Amino acid sequence: MIIARKLSEAPIMDTAHRVDARNLYNTKDAMITVIILKPGQSLKKHITPVDVAFYVLRGEGVVQIGDEKMNVGRDTLVESPKNILHCWTNESDSNLVFMVIKAPRPEKKTVFVS
């Protein structure tokens, strides 16, 4: 059976980040969310208890993983190991759209850092 989902039809999730985040896939094995950061928006710094891969679909932004920061753009995959602080910032003039892939789906809560 084919299951297809459109990003435009996925509801915006209520998250601590207060940005446009839409869940496209959520099983016990993995989770895929698409985040849209408007110009000037950032994710809160946080630590995730599982490995995360980010894939930039559109735009460009600054990703921080641990103490390192990098400017990244479209068609770029960024890996973030579990239990390492990470966040994203959109310093550009257009939307930054990226996919967040968590595997396995976290059972423990994400820790937010001030």
PDB file of N, CA and C in Angstrom:
ATOM      1  N   MET A   1       0.840  -1.178   0.000  1.00  0.00           N
ATOM      2  CA  MET A   1       0.000   0.000   0.000  1.00  0.00           C
ATOM      3  C   MET A   1       0.889   1.247   0.000  1.00  0.00           C
ATOM      4  N   ILE A   2       0.630   2.161  -0.913  1.00  0.00           N
ATOM      5  CA  ILE A   2       1.380   3.409  -0.999  1.00  0.00           C
ATOM      6  C   ILE A   2       0.743   4.438  -0.071  1.00  0.00           C
ATOM      7  N   ILE A   3       1.591   5.053   0.745  1.00  0.00           N
ATOM      8  CA  ILE A   3       1.150   6.141   1.616  1.00  0.00           C
ATOM      9  C   ILE A   3       1.915   7.383   1.186  1.00  0.00           C
ATOM     10  N   ALA A   4       1.198   8.421   0.818  1.00  0.00           N
ATOM     11  CA  ALA A   4       1.826   9.672   0.379  1.00  0.00           C
ATOM     12  C   ALA A   4       1.277  10.827   1.204  1.00  0.00           C
ATOM     13  N   ARG A   5       2.165  11.749   1.541  1.00  0.00           N
ATOM     14  CA  ARG A   5       1.762  12.925   2.314  1.00  0.00           C
ATOM     15  C   ARG A   5       2.296  14.180   1.636  1.00  0.00           C
ATOM     16  N   LYS A   6       1.492  15.226   1.615  1.00  0.00           N
ATOM     17  CA  LYS A   6       1.929  16.513   1.078  1.00  0.00           C
ATOM     18  C   LYS A   6       2.301  17.428   2.236  1.00  0.00           C
ATOM     19  N   LEU A   7       3.436  18.073   2.113  1.00  0.00           N
ATOM     20  CA  LEU A   7       3.877  18.995   3.149  1.00  0.00           C
ATOM     21  C   LEU A   7       2.827  20.069   3.405  1.00  0.00           C
ATOM     22  N   SER A   8       2.229  20.577   2.355  1.00  0.00           N
ATOM     23  CA  SER A   8       1.242  21.659   2.490  1.00  0.00           C
ATOM     24  C   SER A   8      -0.002  21.235   3.263  1.00  0.00           C
ATOM     25  N   GLU A   9      -0.244  19.933   3.361  1.00  0.00           N
ATOM     26  CA  GLU A   9      -1.421  19.431   4.071  1.00  0.00           C
ATOM     27  C   GLU A   9      -1.103  18.976   5.496  1.00  0.00           C
ATOM     28  N   ALA A  10       0.173  18.930   5.845  1.00  0.00           N
ATOM     29  CA  ALA A  10       0.566  18.519   7.198  1.00  0.00           C
ATOM     30  C   ALA A  10       0.348  19.690   8.153  1.00  0.00           C
ATOM     31  N   PRO A  11      -0.253  19.438   9.310  1.00  0.00           N
ATOM     32  CA  PRO A  11      -0.486  20.538  10.255  1.00  0.00           C
ATOM     33  C   PRO A  11       0.819  21.037  10.877  1.00  0.00           C
ATOM     34  N   ILE A  12       0.839  22.314  11.212  1.00  0.00           N
ATOM     35  CA  ILE A  12       1.990  22.879  11.910  1.00  0.00           C
ATOM     36  C   ILE A  12       1.965  22.369  13.341  1.00  0.00           C
ATOM     37  N   MET A  13       3.098  21.850  13.795  1.00  0.00           N
ATOM     38  CA  MET A  13       3.202  21.288  15.140  1.00  0.00           C
ATOM     39  C   MET A  13       3.400  22.406  16.165  1.00  0.00           C
ATOM     40  N   ASP A  14       2.919  22.175  17.365  1.00  0.00           N
ATOM     41  CA  ASP A  14       3.137  23.097  18.473  1.00  0.00           C
ATOM     42  C   ASP A  14       4.422  22.661  19.169  1.00  0.00           C
ATOM     43  N   THR A  15       5.514  23.379  18.905  1.00  0.00           N
ATOM     44  CA  THR A  15       6.805  23.014  19.489  1.00  0.00           C
ATOM     45  C   THR A  15       7.355  24.166  20.316  1.00  0.00           C
ATOM     46  N   ALA A  16       8.358  23.872  21.120  1.00  0.00           N
ATOM     47  CA  ALA A  16       9.012  24.900  21.926  1.00  0.00           C
ATOM     48  C   ALA A  16       9.736  25.920  21.053  1.00  0.00           C
ATOM     49  N   HIS A  17      10.050  25.539  19.819  1.00  0.00           N
ATOM     50  CA  HIS A  17      10.767  26.444  18.919  1.00  0.00           C
ATOM     51  C   HIS A  17       9.876  27.562  18.381  1.00  0.00           C
ATOM     52  N   ARG A  18       8.565  27.350  18.347  1.00  0.00           N
ATOM     53  CA  ARG A  18       7.601  28.339  17.848  1.00  0.00           C
ATOM     54  C   ARG A  18       7.901  28.743  16.399  1.00  0.00           C
ATOM     55  N   VAL A  19       8.181  27.735  15.565  1.00  0.00           N
ATOM     56  CA  VAL A  19       8.398  27.955  14.134  1.00  0.00           C
ATOM     57  C   VAL A  19       7.498  26.994  13.366  1.00  0.00           C
ATOM     58  N   ASP A  20       7.480  27.125  12.056  1.00  0.00           N
ATOM     59  CA  ASP A  20       6.691  26.242  11.199  1.00  0.00           C
ATOM     60  C   ASP A  20       7.402  24.892  11.104  1.00  0.00           C
ATOM     61  N   ALA A  21       6.911  23.899  11.835  1.00  0.00           N
ATOM     62  CA  ALA A  21       7.467  22.543  11.833  1.00  0.00           C
ATOM     63  C   ALA A  21       6.328  21.578  11.535  1.00  0.00           C
ATOM     64  N   ARG A  22       6.523  20.731  10.527  1.00  0.00           N
ATOM     65  CA  ARG A  22       5.465  19.812  10.092  1.00  0.00           C
ATOM     66  C   ARG A  22       5.999  18.394  10.048  1.00  0.00           C
ATOM     67  N   ASN A  23       5.324  17.506  10.747  1.00  0.00           N
ATOM     68  CA  ASN A  23       5.738  16.109  10.788  1.00  0.00           C
ATOM     69  C   ASN A  23       5.210  15.369   9.565  1.00  0.00           C
ATOM     70  N   LEU A  24       6.120  14.730   8.829  1.00  0.00           N
ATOM     71  CA  LEU A  24       5.725  13.971   7.642  1.00  0.00           C
ATOM     72  C   LEU A  24       5.744  12.470   7.873  1.00  0.00           C
ATOM     73  N   TYR A  25       6.550  12.021   8.827  1.00  0.00           N
ATOM     74  CA  TYR A  25       6.711  10.582   9.045  1.00  0.00           C
ATOM     75  C   TYR A  25       7.032  10.367  10.514  1.00  0.00           C
ATOM     76  N   ASN A  26       6.339   9.425  11.152  1.00  0.00           N
ATOM     77  CA  ASN A  26       6.558   9.212  12.576  1.00  0.00           C
ATOM     78  C   ASN A  26       6.213   7.773  12.934  1.00  0.00           C
ATOM     79  N   THR A  27       7.242   6.942  13.043  1.00  0.00           N
ATOM     80  CA  THR A  27       7.074   5.560  13.486  1.00  0.00           C
ATOM     81  C   THR A  27       8.039   5.319  14.636  1.00  0.00           C
ATOM     82  N   LYS A  28       8.007   4.137  15.205  1.00  0.00           N
ATOM     83  CA  LYS A  28       8.949   3.838  16.291  1.00  0.00           C
ATOM     84  C   LYS A  28      10.387   3.785  15.787  1.00  0.00           C
ATOM     85  N   ASP A  29      10.553   3.597  14.474  1.00  0.00           N
ATOM     86  CA  ASP A  29      11.888   3.456  13.904  1.00  0.00           C
ATOM     87  C   ASP A  29      12.519   4.766  13.451  1.00  0.00           C
ATOM     88  N   ALA A  30      11.710   5.730  13.086  1.00  0.00           N
ATOM     89  CA  ALA A  30      12.254   6.990  12.571  1.00  0.00           C
ATOM     90  C   ALA A  30      11.196   8.087  12.605  1.00  0.00           C
ATOM     91  N   MET A  31      11.685   9.314  12.443  1.00  0.00           N
ATOM     92  CA  MET A  31      10.804  10.480  12.453  1.00  0.00           C
ATOM     93  C   MET A  31      11.356  11.492  11.452  1.00  0.00           C
ATOM     94  N   ILE A  32      10.493  12.038  10.605  1.00  0.00           N
ATOM     95  CA  ILE A  32      10.911  13.055   9.640  1.00  0.00           C
ATOM     96  C   ILE A  32      10.002  14.270   9.789  1.00  0.00           C
ATOM     97  N   THR A  33      10.634  15.411  10.018  1.00  0.00           N
ATOM     98  CA  THR A  33       9.930  16.678  10.173  1.00  0.00           C
ATOM     99  C   THR A  33      10.530  17.676   9.192  1.00  0.00           C
ATOM    100  N   VAL A  34       9.710  18.535   8.625  1.00  0.00           N
ATOM    101  CA  VAL A  34      10.206  19.626   7.788  1.00  0.00           C
ATOM    102  C   VAL A  34      10.012  20.923   8.563  1.00  0.00           C
ATOM    103  N   ILE A  35      11.088  21.700   8.640  1.00  0.00           N
ATOM    104  CA  ILE A  35      11.054  22.977   9.353  1.00  0.00           C
ATOM    105  C   ILE A  35      11.253  24.108   8.357  1.00  0.00           C
ATOM    106  N   ILE A  36      10.437  25.139   8.499  1.00  0.00           N
ATOM    107  CA  ILE A  36      10.557  26.335   7.667  1.00  0.00           C
ATOM    108  C   ILE A  36      10.898  27.500   8.596  1.00  0.00           C
ATOM    109  N   LEU A  37      12.118  28.020   8.447  1.00  0.00           N
ATOM    110  CA  LEU A  37      12.534  29.183   9.226  1.00  0.00           C
ATOM    111  C   LEU A  37      12.443  30.418   8.338  1.00  0.00           C
ATOM    112  N   LYS A  38      11.670  31.382   8.776  1.00  0.00           N
ATOM    113  CA  LYS A  38      11.571  32.650   8.064  1.00  0.00           C
ATOM    114  C   LYS A  38      12.845  33.458   8.331  1.00  0.00           C
ATOM    115  N   PRO A  39      13.124  34.472   7.507  1.00  0.00           N
ATOM    116  CA  PRO A  39      14.301  35.308   7.750  1.00  0.00           C
ATOM    117  C   PRO A  39      14.325  35.822   9.192  1.00  0.00           C
ATOM    118  N   GLY A  40      15.484  35.654   9.836  1.00  0.00           N
ATOM    119  CA  GLY A  40      15.651  36.103  11.217  1.00  0.00           C
ATOM    120  C   GLY A  40      15.244  35.093  12.272  1.00  0.00           C
ATOM    121  N   GLN A  41      14.572  34.010  11.901  1.00  0.00           N
ATOM    122  CA  GLN A  41      14.150  33.013  12.890  1.00  0.00           C
ATOM    123  C   GLN A  41      15.281  32.033  13.208  1.00  0.00           C
ATOM    124  N   SER A  42      15.214  31.476  14.423  1.00  0.00           N
ATOM    125  CA  SER A  42      16.178  30.473  14.873  1.00  0.00           C
ATOM    126  C   SER A  42      15.463  29.381  15.636  1.00  0.00           C
ATOM    127  N   LEU A  43      16.082  28.219  15.665  1.00  0.00           N
ATOM    128  CA  LEU A  43      15.654  27.179  16.596  1.00  0.00           C
ATOM    129  C   LEU A  43      16.347  27.449  17.917  1.00  0.00           C
ATOM    130  N   LYS A  44      15.734  27.028  19.000  1.00  0.00           N
ATOM    131  CA  LYS A  44      16.376  27.121  20.303  1.00  0.00           C
ATOM    132  C   LYS A  44      17.496  26.084  20.356  1.00  0.00           C
ATOM    133  N   LYS A  45      18.576  26.419  21.041  1.00  0.00           N
ATOM    134  CA  LYS A  45      19.662  25.454  21.209  1.00  0.00           C
ATOM    135  C   LYS A  45      19.125  24.280  22.008  1.00  0.00           C
ATOM    136  N   HIS A  46      19.427  23.073  21.518  1.00  0.00           N
ATOM    137  CA  HIS A  46      18.904  21.892  22.195  1.00  0.00           C
ATOM    138  C   HIS A  46      19.791  20.681  21.946  1.00  0.00           C
ATOM    139  N   ILE A  47      19.562  19.661  22.758  1.00  0.00           N
ATOM    140  CA  ILE A  47      20.300  18.401  22.677  1.00  0.00           C
ATOM    141  C   ILE A  47      19.286  17.294  22.455  1.00  0.00           C
ATOM    142  N   THR A  48      19.502  16.511  21.401  1.00  0.00           N
ATOM    143  CA  THR A  48      18.585  15.431  21.034  1.00  0.00           C
ATOM    144  C   THR A  48      19.220  14.092  21.406  1.00  0.00           C
ATOM    145  N   PRO A  49      18.453  13.167  22.000  1.00  0.00           N
ATOM    146  CA  PRO A  49      19.015  11.899  22.478  1.00  0.00           C
ATOM    147  C   PRO A  49      19.240  10.844  21.390  1.00  0.00           C
ATOM    148  N   VAL A  50      19.082  11.221  20.118  1.00  0.00           N
ATOM    149  CA  VAL A  50      19.334  10.297  18.998  1.00  0.00           C
ATOM    150  C   VAL A  50      20.112  11.046  17.915  1.00  0.00           C
ATOM    151  N   ASP A  51      20.733  10.293  17.011  1.00  0.00           N
ATOM    152  CA  ASP A  51      21.399  10.907  15.867  1.00  0.00           C
ATOM    153  C   ASP A  51      20.367  11.631  15.009  1.00  0.00           C
ATOM    154  N   VAL A  52      20.785  12.756  14.438  1.00  0.00           N
ATOM    155  CA  VAL A  52      19.903  13.550  13.587  1.00  0.00           C
ATOM    156  C   VAL A  52      20.631  13.861  12.282  1.00  0.00           C
ATOM    157  N   ALA A  53      19.903  13.782  11.179  1.00  0.00           N
ATOM    158  CA  ALA A  53      20.421  14.246   9.892  1.00  0.00           C
ATOM    159  C   ALA A  53      19.509  15.371   9.420  1.00  0.00           C
ATOM    160  N   PHE A  54      20.120  16.443   8.949  1.00  0.00           N
ATOM    161  CA  PHE A  54      19.382  17.577   8.402  1.00  0.00           C
ATOM    162  C   PHE A  54      19.655  17.624   6.902  1.00  0.00           C
ATOM    163  N   TYR A  55      18.611  17.834   6.109  1.00  0.00           N
ATOM    164  CA  TYR A  55      18.789  17.976   4.666  1.00  0.00           C
ATOM    165  C   TYR A  55      18.124  19.269   4.222  1.00  0.00           C
ATOM    166  N   VAL A  56      18.925  20.183   3.674  1.00  0.00           N
ATOM    167  CA  VAL A  56      18.406  21.491   3.272  1.00  0.00           C
ATOM    168  C   VAL A  56      17.714  21.370   1.917  1.00  0.00           C
ATOM    169  N   LEU A  57      16.436  21.699   1.910  1.00  0.00           N
ATOM    170  CA  LEU A  57      15.623  21.636   0.696  1.00  0.00           C
ATOM    171  C   LEU A  57      15.632  22.952  -0.079  1.00  0.00           C
ATOM    172  N   ARG A  58      15.686  24.071   0.666  1.00  0.00           N
ATOM    173  CA  ARG A  58      15.613  25.385   0.026  1.00  0.00           C
ATOM    174  C   ARG A  58      16.230  26.428   0.946  1.00  0.00           C
ATOM    175  N   GLY A  59      16.890  27.408   0.366  1.00  0.00           N
ATOM    176  CA  GLY A  59      17.463  28.504   1.134  1.00  0.00           C
ATOM    177  C   GLY A  59      18.829  28.167   1.696  1.00  0.00           C
ATOM    178  N   GLU A  60      19.254  29.011   2.630  1.00  0.00           N
ATOM    179  CA  GLU A  60      20.533  28.786   3.298  1.00  0.00           C
ATOM    180  C   GLU A  60      20.438  29.283   4.729  1.00  0.00           C
ATOM    181  N   GLY A  61      21.277  28.704   5.587  1.00  0.00           N
ATOM    182  CA  GLY A  61      21.248  29.085   6.987  1.00  0.00           C
ATOM    183  C   GLY A  61      22.530  28.697   7.680  1.00  0.00           C
ATOM    184  N   VAL A  62      22.574  28.981   8.966  1.00  0.00           N
ATOM    185  CA  VAL A  62      23.733  28.652   9.786  1.00  0.00           C
ATOM    186  C   VAL A  62      23.330  27.533  10.732  1.00  0.00           C
ATOM    187  N   VAL A  63      24.074  26.436  10.677  1.00  0.00           N
ATOM    188  CA  VAL A  63      23.835  25.336  11.600  1.00  0.00           C
ATOM    189  C   VAL A  63      24.964  25.345  12.629  1.00  0.00           C
ATOM    190  N   GLN A  64      24.608  25.123  13.881  1.00  0.00           N
ATOM    191  CA  GLN A  64      25.597  24.977  14.942  1.00  0.00           C
ATOM    192  C   GLN A  64      25.468  23.577  15.501  1.00  0.00           C
ATOM    193  N   ILE A  65      26.594  22.878  15.565  1.00  0.00           N
ATOM    194  CA  ILE A  65      26.645  21.557  16.187  1.00  0.00           C
ATOM    195  C   ILE A  65      27.828  21.575  17.139  1.00  0.00           C
ATOM    196  N   GLY A  66      27.550  21.437  18.422  1.00  0.00           N
ATOM    197  CA  GLY A  66      28.598  21.606  19.420  1.00  0.00           C
ATOM    198  C   GLY A  66      29.081  23.047  19.378  1.00  0.00           C
ATOM    199  N   ASP A  67      30.402  23.232  19.291  1.00  0.00           N
ATOM    200  CA  ASP A  67      30.990  24.571  19.229  1.00  0.00           C
ATOM    201  C   ASP A  67      31.226  25.048  17.799  1.00  0.00           C
ATOM    202  N   GLU A  68      30.910  24.210  16.809  1.00  0.00           N
ATOM    203  CA  GLU A  68      31.163  24.558  15.411  1.00  0.00           C
ATOM    204  C   GLU A  68      29.925  25.153  14.745  1.00  0.00           C
ATOM    205  N   LYS A  69      30.162  26.129  13.858  1.00  0.00           N
ATOM    206  CA  LYS A  69      29.083  26.714  13.058  1.00  0.00           C
ATOM    207  C   LYS A  69      29.476  26.625  11.591  1.00  0.00           C
ATOM    208  N   MET A  70      28.458  26.448  10.730  1.00  0.00           N
ATOM    209  CA  MET A  70      28.717  26.359   9.301  1.00  0.00           C
ATOM    210  C   MET A  70      27.545  26.946   8.530  1.00  0.00           C
ATOM    211  N   ASN A  71      27.848  27.702   7.486  1.00  0.00           N
ATOM    212  CA  ASN A  71      26.822  28.163   6.552  1.00  0.00           C
ATOM    213  C   ASN A  71      26.541  27.028   5.587  1.00  0.00           C
ATOM    214  N   VAL A  72      25.278  26.675   5.432  1.00  0.00           N
ATOM    215  CA  VAL A  72      24.919  25.594   4.517  1.00  0.00           C
ATOM    216  C   VAL A  72      23.735  26.019   3.660  1.00  0.00           C
ATOM    217  N   GLY A  73      23.653  25.408   2.480  1.00  0.00           N
ATOM    218  CA  GLY A  73      22.575  25.739   1.566  1.00  0.00           C
ATOM    219  C   GLY A  73      21.938  24.505   0.972  1.00  0.00           C
ATOM    220  N   ARG A  74      21.128  24.743  -0.019  1.00  0.00           N
ATOM    221  CA  ARG A  74      20.325  23.715  -0.683  1.00  0.00           C
ATOM    222  C   ARG A  74      21.149  22.482  -1.073  1.00  0.00           C
ATOM    223  N   ASP A  75      20.478  21.341  -0.984  1.00  0.00           N
ATOM    224  CA  ASP A  75      21.047  20.046  -1.362  1.00  0.00           C
ATOM    225  C   ASP A  75      22.234  19.633  -0.498  1.00  0.00           C
ATOM    226  N   THR A  76      22.240  20.081   0.763  1.00  0.00           N
ATOM    227  CA  THR A  76      23.313  19.727   1.688  1.00  0.00           C
ATOM    228  C   THR A  76      22.750  18.902   2.834  1.00  0.00           C
ATOM    229  N   LEU A  77      23.443  17.812   3.164  1.00  0.00           N
ATOM    230  CA  LEU A  77      23.085  16.982   4.313  1.00  0.00           C
ATOM    231  C   LEU A  77      24.081  17.267   5.426  1.00  0.00           C
ATOM    232  N   VAL A  78      23.578  17.482   6.631  1.00  0.00           N
ATOM    233  CA  VAL A  78      24.412  17.742   7.801  1.00  0.00           C
ATOM    234  C   VAL A  78      24.071  16.702   8.857  1.00  0.00           C
ATOM    235  N   GLU A  79      25.094  16.048   9.401  1.00  0.00           N
ATOM    236  CA  GLU A  79      24.886  15.054  10.452  1.00  0.00           C
ATOM    237  C   GLU A  79      25.125  15.676  11.819  1.00  0.00           C
ATOM    238  N   SER A  80      24.292  15.318  12.783  1.00  0.00           N
ATOM    239  CA  SER A  80      24.451  15.774  14.159  1.00  0.00           C
ATOM    240  C   SER A  80      24.367  14.560  15.076  1.00  0.00           C
ATOM    241  N   PRO A  81      25.482  14.199  15.722  1.00  0.00           N
ATOM    242  CA  PRO A  81      25.461  13.035  16.610  1.00  0.00           C
ATOM    243  C   PRO A  81      24.542  13.254  17.814  1.00  0.00           C
ATOM    244  N   LYS A  82      24.057  12.169  18.361  1.00  0.00           N
ATOM    245  CA  LYS A  82      23.187  12.264  19.535  1.00  0.00           C
ATOM    246  C   LYS A  82      23.923  12.915  20.697  1.00  0.00           C
ATOM    247  N   ASN A  83      23.140  13.544  21.560  1.00  0.00           N
ATOM    248  CA  ASN A  83      23.622  14.157  22.796  1.00  0.00           C
ATOM    249  C   ASN A  83      24.605  15.307  22.580  1.00  0.00           C
ATOM    250  N   ILE A  84      24.559  15.938  21.399  1.00  0.00           N
ATOM    251  CA  ILE A  84      25.389  17.110  21.106  1.00  0.00           C
ATOM    252  C   ILE A  84      24.458  18.301  20.866  1.00  0.00           C
ATOM    253  N   LEU A  85      24.786  19.439  21.456  1.00  0.00           N
ATOM    254  CA  LEU A  85      23.985  20.648  21.271  1.00  0.00           C
ATOM    255  C   LEU A  85      23.947  21.029  19.792  1.00  0.00           C
ATOM    256  N   HIS A  86      22.764  21.416  19.319  1.00  0.00           N
ATOM    257  CA  HIS A  86      22.661  21.902  17.944  1.00  0.00           C
ATOM    258  C   HIS A  86      21.523  22.908  17.813  1.00  0.00           C
ATOM    259  N   CYS A  87      21.610  23.723  16.753  1.00  0.00           N
ATOM    260  CA  CYS A  87      20.544  24.676  16.439  1.00  0.00           C
ATOM    261  C   CYS A  87      20.752  25.211  15.025  1.00  0.00           C
ATOM    262  N   TRP A  88      19.745  25.890  14.512  1.00  0.00           N
ATOM    263  CA  TRP A  88      19.757  26.500  13.182  1.00  0.00           C
ATOM    264  C   TRP A  88      19.331  27.953  13.292  1.00  0.00           C
ATOM    265  N   THR A  89      19.898  28.799  12.423  1.00  0.00           N
ATOM    266  CA  THR A  89      19.513  30.201  12.334  1.00  0.00           C
ATOM    267  C   THR A  89      19.402  30.579  10.861  1.00  0.00           C
ATOM    268  N   ASN A  90      18.362  31.323  10.537  1.00  0.00           N
ATOM    269  CA  ASN A  90      18.210  31.828   9.173  1.00  0.00           C
ATOM    270  C   ASN A  90      18.603  33.300   9.161  1.00  0.00           C
ATOM    271  N   GLU A  91      19.792  33.587   8.643  1.00  0.00           N
ATOM    272  CA  GLU A  91      20.285  34.961   8.552  1.00  0.00           C
ATOM    273  C   GLU A  91      20.078  35.540   7.155  1.00  0.00           C
ATOM    274  N   SER A  92      19.373  34.810   6.295  1.00  0.00           N
ATOM    275  CA  SER A  92      19.178  35.248   4.909  1.00  0.00           C
ATOM    276  C   SER A  92      17.883  36.054   4.762  1.00  0.00           C
ATOM    277  N   ASP A  93      17.605  36.453   3.530  1.00  0.00           N
ATOM    278  CA  ASP A  93      16.398  37.229   3.232  1.00  0.00           C
ATOM    279  C   ASP A  93      15.252  36.371   2.717  1.00  0.00           C
ATOM    280  N   SER A  94      15.448  35.052   2.670  1.00  0.00           N
ATOM    281  CA  SER A  94      14.383  34.161   2.192  1.00  0.00           C
ATOM    282  C   SER A  94      14.236  32.978   3.143  1.00  0.00           C
ATOM    283  N   ASN A  95      13.156  32.232   2.988  1.00  0.00           N
ATOM    284  CA  ASN A  95      12.899  31.103   3.879  1.00  0.00           C
ATOM    285  C   ASN A  95      13.979  30.031   3.768  1.00  0.00           C
ATOM    286  N   LEU A  96      14.280  29.427   4.897  1.00  0.00           N
ATOM    287  CA  LEU A  96      15.156  28.258   4.974  1.00  0.00           C
ATOM    288  C   LEU A  96      14.256  27.064   5.255  1.00  0.00           C
ATOM    289  N   VAL A  97      14.296  26.070   4.375  1.00  0.00           N
ATOM    290  CA  VAL A  97      13.451  24.885   4.522  1.00  0.00           C
ATOM    291  C   VAL A  97      14.364  23.671   4.605  1.00  0.00           C
ATOM    292  N   PHE A  98      14.249  22.910   5.698  1.00  0.00           N
ATOM    293  CA  PHE A  98      15.093  21.728   5.831  1.00  0.00           C
ATOM    294  C   PHE A  98      14.330  20.587   6.487  1.00  0.00           C
ATOM    295  N   MET A  99      14.791  19.394   6.172  1.00  0.00           N
ATOM    296  CA  MET A  99      14.205  18.173   6.700  1.00  0.00           C
ATOM    297  C   MET A  99      15.039  17.726   7.903  1.00  0.00           C
ATOM    298  N   VAL A 100      14.366  17.271   8.946  1.00  0.00           N
ATOM    299  CA  VAL A 100      15.016  16.737  10.139  1.00  0.00           C
ATOM    300  C   VAL A 100      14.679  15.252  10.206  1.00  0.00           C
ATOM    301  N   ILE A 101      15.699  14.416  10.151  1.00  0.00           N
ATOM    302  CA  ILE A 101      15.502  12.967  10.160  1.00  0.00           C
ATOM    303  C   ILE A 101      16.117  12.418  11.442  1.00  0.00           C
ATOM    304  N   LYS A 102      15.294  11.823  12.274  1.00  0.00           N
ATOM    305  CA  LYS A 102      15.757  11.235  13.532  1.00  0.00           C
ATOM    306  C   LYS A 102      15.552   9.731  13.467  1.00  0.00           C
ATOM    307  N   ALA A 103      16.634   8.993  13.748  1.00  0.00           N
ATOM    308  CA  ALA A 103      16.532   7.538  13.727  1.00  0.00           C
ATOM    309  C   ALA A 103      17.423   6.973  14.830  1.00  0.00           C
ATOM    310  N   PRO A 104      16.841   6.178  15.713  1.00  0.00           N
ATOM    311  CA  PRO A 104      15.409   5.891  15.820  1.00  0.00           C
ATOM    312  C   PRO A 104      14.656   7.108  16.366  1.00  0.00           C
ATOM    313  N   ARG A 105      13.349   7.024  16.358  1.00  0.00           N
ATOM    314  CA  ARG A 105      12.541   8.096  16.947  1.00  0.00           C
ATOM    315  C   ARG A 105      12.902   8.200  18.426  1.00  0.00           C
ATOM    316  N   PRO A 106      13.121   9.402  18.923  1.00  0.00           N
ATOM    317  CA  PRO A 106      13.530   9.549  20.326  1.00  0.00           C
ATOM    318  C   PRO A 106      12.465   9.062  21.310  1.00  0.00           C
ATOM    319  N   GLU A 107      12.930   8.374  22.332  1.00  0.00           N
ATOM    320  CA  GLU A 107      12.043   7.981  23.434  1.00  0.00           C
ATOM    321  C   GLU A 107      12.217   8.927  24.613  1.00  0.00           C
ATOM    322  N   LYS A 108      13.419   9.501  24.735  1.00  0.00           N
ATOM    323  CA  LYS A 108      13.684  10.483  25.783  1.00  0.00           C
ATOM    324  C   LYS A 108      13.397  11.875  25.231  1.00  0.00           C
ATOM    325  N   LYS A 109      13.180  12.818  26.136  1.00  0.00           N
ATOM    326  CA  LYS A 109      12.858  14.183  25.727  1.00  0.00           C
ATOM    327  C   LYS A 109      14.108  14.946  25.295  1.00  0.00           C
ATOM    328  N   THR A 110      13.886  15.890  24.386  1.00  0.00           N
ATOM    329  CA  THR A 110      14.928  16.821  23.975  1.00  0.00           C
ATOM    330  C   THR A 110      15.201  17.777  25.128  1.00  0.00           C
ATOM    331  N   VAL A 111      16.482  18.126  25.311  1.00  0.00           N
ATOM    332  CA  VAL A 111      16.872  19.044  26.372  1.00  0.00           C
ATOM    333  C   VAL A 111      17.169  20.400  25.744  1.00  0.00           C
ATOM    334  N   PHE A 112      16.490  21.450  26.210  1.00  0.00           N
ATOM    335  CA  PHE A 112      16.715  22.800  25.696  1.00  0.00           C
ATOM    336  C   PHE A 112      17.733  23.511  26.572  1.00  0.00           C
ATOM    337  N   VAL A 113      18.616  24.273  25.916  1.00  0.00           N
ATOM    338  CA  VAL A 113      19.703  24.966  26.593  1.00  0.00           C
ATOM    339  C   VAL A 113      19.481  26.463  26.425  1.00  0.00           C
ATOM    340  N   SER A 114      19.661  27.230  27.480  1.00  0.00           N
ATOM    341  CA  SER A 114      19.451  28.687  27.408  1.00  0.00           C
ATOM    342  C   SER A 114      20.490  29.340  26.537  1.00  0.00           C
TER     343      SER A 114
END
